[in-house]
């Protein structure tokens, strides 16, 4: 992904579509706040696609309530044009 583009055409859902939503659901299952570092560790331990790990790593350092985390991730997904490829989070 050296050129900053997803590996599939922008209008096709990736096999990993929804993986980021599942990550968020698990991360916030029993917590009100999750740190950026915790989410990165969870993403890497679940062996998420490199594009999704890149999106998670774009979060500014800090601890987030679910809605703020989702807003940040959705903003990064939109900036990369990957919302249709990988899905957005809520």
C-alpha atoms as a PDB file:
ATOM      1  CA  UNK A   1       0.000   0.000   0.000  1.00  0.00           C
ATOM      2  CA  UNK A   2       2.890   2.309  -0.715  1.00  0.00           C
ATOM      3  CA  UNK A   3       0.799   4.593  -2.925  1.00  0.00           C
ATOM      4  CA  UNK A   4      -1.912   5.163  -0.272  1.00  0.00           C
ATOM      5  CA  UNK A   5      -4.654   3.411  -2.218  1.00  0.00           C
ATOM      6  CA  UNK A   6      -6.684   0.385  -1.135  1.00  0.00           C
ATOM      7  CA  UNK A   7      -5.828  -2.870  -2.817  1.00  0.00           C
ATOM      8  CA  UNK A   8      -9.329  -3.223  -4.323  1.00  0.00           C
ATOM      9  CA  UNK A   9     -11.283  -0.762  -6.465  1.00  0.00           C
ATOM     10  CA  UNK A  10     -13.007   1.865  -4.342  1.00  0.00           C
ATOM     11  CA  UNK A  11     -16.553   0.729  -5.210  1.00  0.00           C
ATOM     12  CA  UNK A  12     -16.152  -2.909  -4.137  1.00  0.00           C
ATOM     13  CA  UNK A  13     -16.651  -4.112  -0.580  1.00  0.00           C
ATOM     14  CA  UNK A  14     -13.590  -5.852   0.776  1.00  0.00           C
ATOM     15  CA  UNK A  15     -13.785  -9.243   2.424  1.00  0.00           C
ATOM     16  CA  UNK A  16     -12.869  -7.327   5.593  1.00  0.00           C
ATOM     17  CA  UNK A  17     -15.988  -5.146   5.350  1.00  0.00           C
ATOM     18  CA  UNK A  18     -17.368  -4.735   8.889  1.00  0.00           C
ATOM     19  CA  UNK A  19     -14.197  -5.880  10.676  1.00  0.00           C
ATOM     20  CA  UNK A  20     -13.648  -2.411  12.129  1.00  0.00           C
ATOM     21  CA  UNK A  21     -17.233  -2.356  13.443  1.00  0.00           C
ATOM     22  CA  UNK A  22     -16.697  -5.725  15.112  1.00  0.00           C
ATOM     23  CA  UNK A  23     -13.474  -4.398  16.661  1.00  0.00           C
ATOM     24  CA  UNK A  24     -15.332  -1.409  18.105  1.00  0.00           C
ATOM     25  CA  UNK A  25     -18.146  -3.621  19.411  1.00  0.00           C
ATOM     26  CA  UNK A  26     -15.676  -5.859  21.246  1.00  0.00           C
ATOM     27  CA  UNK A  27     -13.556  -2.967  22.523  1.00  0.00           C
ATOM     28  CA  UNK A  28     -16.562  -1.200  24.044  1.00  0.00           C
ATOM     29  CA  UNK A  29     -18.444  -4.301  25.193  1.00  0.00           C
ATOM     30  CA  UNK A  30     -17.572  -3.774  28.869  1.00  0.00           C
ATOM     31  CA  UNK A  31     -15.951  -0.334  28.867  1.00  0.00           C
ATOM     32  CA  UNK A  32     -17.093   3.229  28.500  1.00  0.00           C
ATOM     33  CA  UNK A  33     -13.675   4.509  27.390  1.00  0.00           C
ATOM     34  CA  UNK A  34     -10.947   2.917  25.254  1.00  0.00           C
ATOM     35  CA  UNK A  35      -7.465   4.257  24.600  1.00  0.00           C
ATOM     36  CA  UNK A  36      -5.907   4.540  21.167  1.00  0.00           C
ATOM     37  CA  UNK A  37      -3.135   2.181  22.274  1.00  0.00           C
ATOM     38  CA  UNK A  38      -5.627  -0.447  23.479  1.00  0.00           C
ATOM     39  CA  UNK A  39      -7.475  -0.305  20.162  1.00  0.00           C
ATOM     40  CA  UNK A  40      -4.219  -0.675  18.204  1.00  0.00           C
ATOM     41  CA  UNK A  41      -3.241  -3.699  20.290  1.00  0.00           C
ATOM     42  CA  UNK A  42      -6.669  -5.257  19.773  1.00  0.00           C
ATOM     43  CA  UNK A  43      -6.569  -4.567  16.023  1.00  0.00           C
ATOM     44  CA  UNK A  44      -3.130  -6.122  15.684  1.00  0.00           C
ATOM     45  CA  UNK A  45      -3.982  -9.121  17.874  1.00  0.00           C
ATOM     46  CA  UNK A  46      -7.104  -9.777  15.758  1.00  0.00           C
ATOM     47  CA  UNK A  47      -4.852  -9.622  12.672  1.00  0.00           C
ATOM     48  CA  UNK A  48      -6.956  -6.947  10.981  1.00  0.00           C
ATOM     49  CA  UNK A  49      -6.090  -5.964   7.427  1.00  0.00           C
ATOM     50  CA  UNK A  50      -3.144  -3.569   7.196  1.00  0.00           C
ATOM     51  CA  UNK A  51      -5.401  -0.784   5.854  1.00  0.00           C
ATOM     52  CA  UNK A  52      -7.637  -1.039   8.930  1.00  0.00           C
ATOM     53  CA  UNK A  53      -4.665  -1.044  11.295  1.00  0.00           C
ATOM     54  CA  UNK A  54      -3.429   2.064   9.489  1.00  0.00           C
ATOM     55  CA  UNK A  55      -6.808   3.751  10.116  1.00  0.00           C
ATOM     56  CA  UNK A  56      -6.662   2.870  13.822  1.00  0.00           C
ATOM     57  CA  UNK A  57      -3.092   4.190  14.068  1.00  0.00           C
ATOM     58  CA  UNK A  58      -4.251   7.538  12.645  1.00  0.00           C
ATOM     59  CA  UNK A  59      -6.185   8.220  15.865  1.00  0.00           C
ATOM     60  CA  UNK A  60      -4.623  10.981  17.928  1.00  0.00           C
ATOM     61  CA  UNK A  61      -3.250   9.693  21.252  1.00  0.00           C
ATOM     62  CA  UNK A  62      -5.818   9.632  24.016  1.00  0.00           C
ATOM     63  CA  UNK A  63      -8.766   7.842  25.538  1.00  0.00           C
ATOM     64  CA  UNK A  64     -12.122   7.964  23.798  1.00  0.00           C
ATOM     65  CA  UNK A  65     -15.791   7.453  24.508  1.00  0.00           C
ATOM     66  CA  UNK A  66     -17.329   5.281  21.810  1.00  0.00           C
ATOM     67  CA  UNK A  67     -18.979   8.066  19.796  1.00  0.00           C
ATOM     68  CA  UNK A  68     -15.810  10.166  19.670  1.00  0.00           C
ATOM     69  CA  UNK A  69     -13.749   7.121  18.647  1.00  0.00           C
ATOM     70  CA  UNK A  70     -16.229   6.316  15.882  1.00  0.00           C
ATOM     71  CA  UNK A  71     -16.220   9.915  14.672  1.00  0.00           C
ATOM     72  CA  UNK A  72     -12.425   9.892  14.463  1.00  0.00           C
ATOM     73  CA  UNK A  73     -12.292   6.530  12.667  1.00  0.00           C
ATOM     74  CA  UNK A  74     -15.064   7.475  10.233  1.00  0.00           C
ATOM     75  CA  UNK A  75     -13.268  10.713   9.447  1.00  0.00           C
ATOM     76  CA  UNK A  76     -10.082   8.798   8.615  1.00  0.00           C
ATOM     77  CA  UNK A  77     -12.029   6.255   6.534  1.00  0.00           C
ATOM     78  CA  UNK A  78     -13.695   9.077   4.596  1.00  0.00           C
ATOM     79  CA  UNK A  79     -10.384  10.862   4.046  1.00  0.00           C
ATOM     80  CA  UNK A  80      -8.955   7.701   2.489  1.00  0.00           C
ATOM     81  CA  UNK A  81     -12.137   6.981   0.523  1.00  0.00           C
ATOM     82  CA  UNK A  82     -12.431   3.588   2.240  1.00  0.00           C
ATOM     83  CA  UNK A  83     -15.906   3.855   3.786  1.00  0.00           C
ATOM     84  CA  UNK A  84     -17.532   1.802   1.024  1.00  0.00           C
ATOM     85  CA  UNK A  85     -14.649  -0.663   0.953  1.00  0.00           C
ATOM     86  CA  UNK A  86     -14.373  -1.419   4.673  1.00  0.00           C
ATOM     87  CA  UNK A  87     -17.538   0.095   6.134  1.00  0.00           C
ATOM     88  CA  UNK A  88     -17.984   2.807   8.719  1.00  0.00           C
ATOM     89  CA  UNK A  89     -18.427   2.408  12.470  1.00  0.00           C
ATOM     90  CA  UNK A  90     -21.074   3.466  14.967  1.00  0.00           C
END
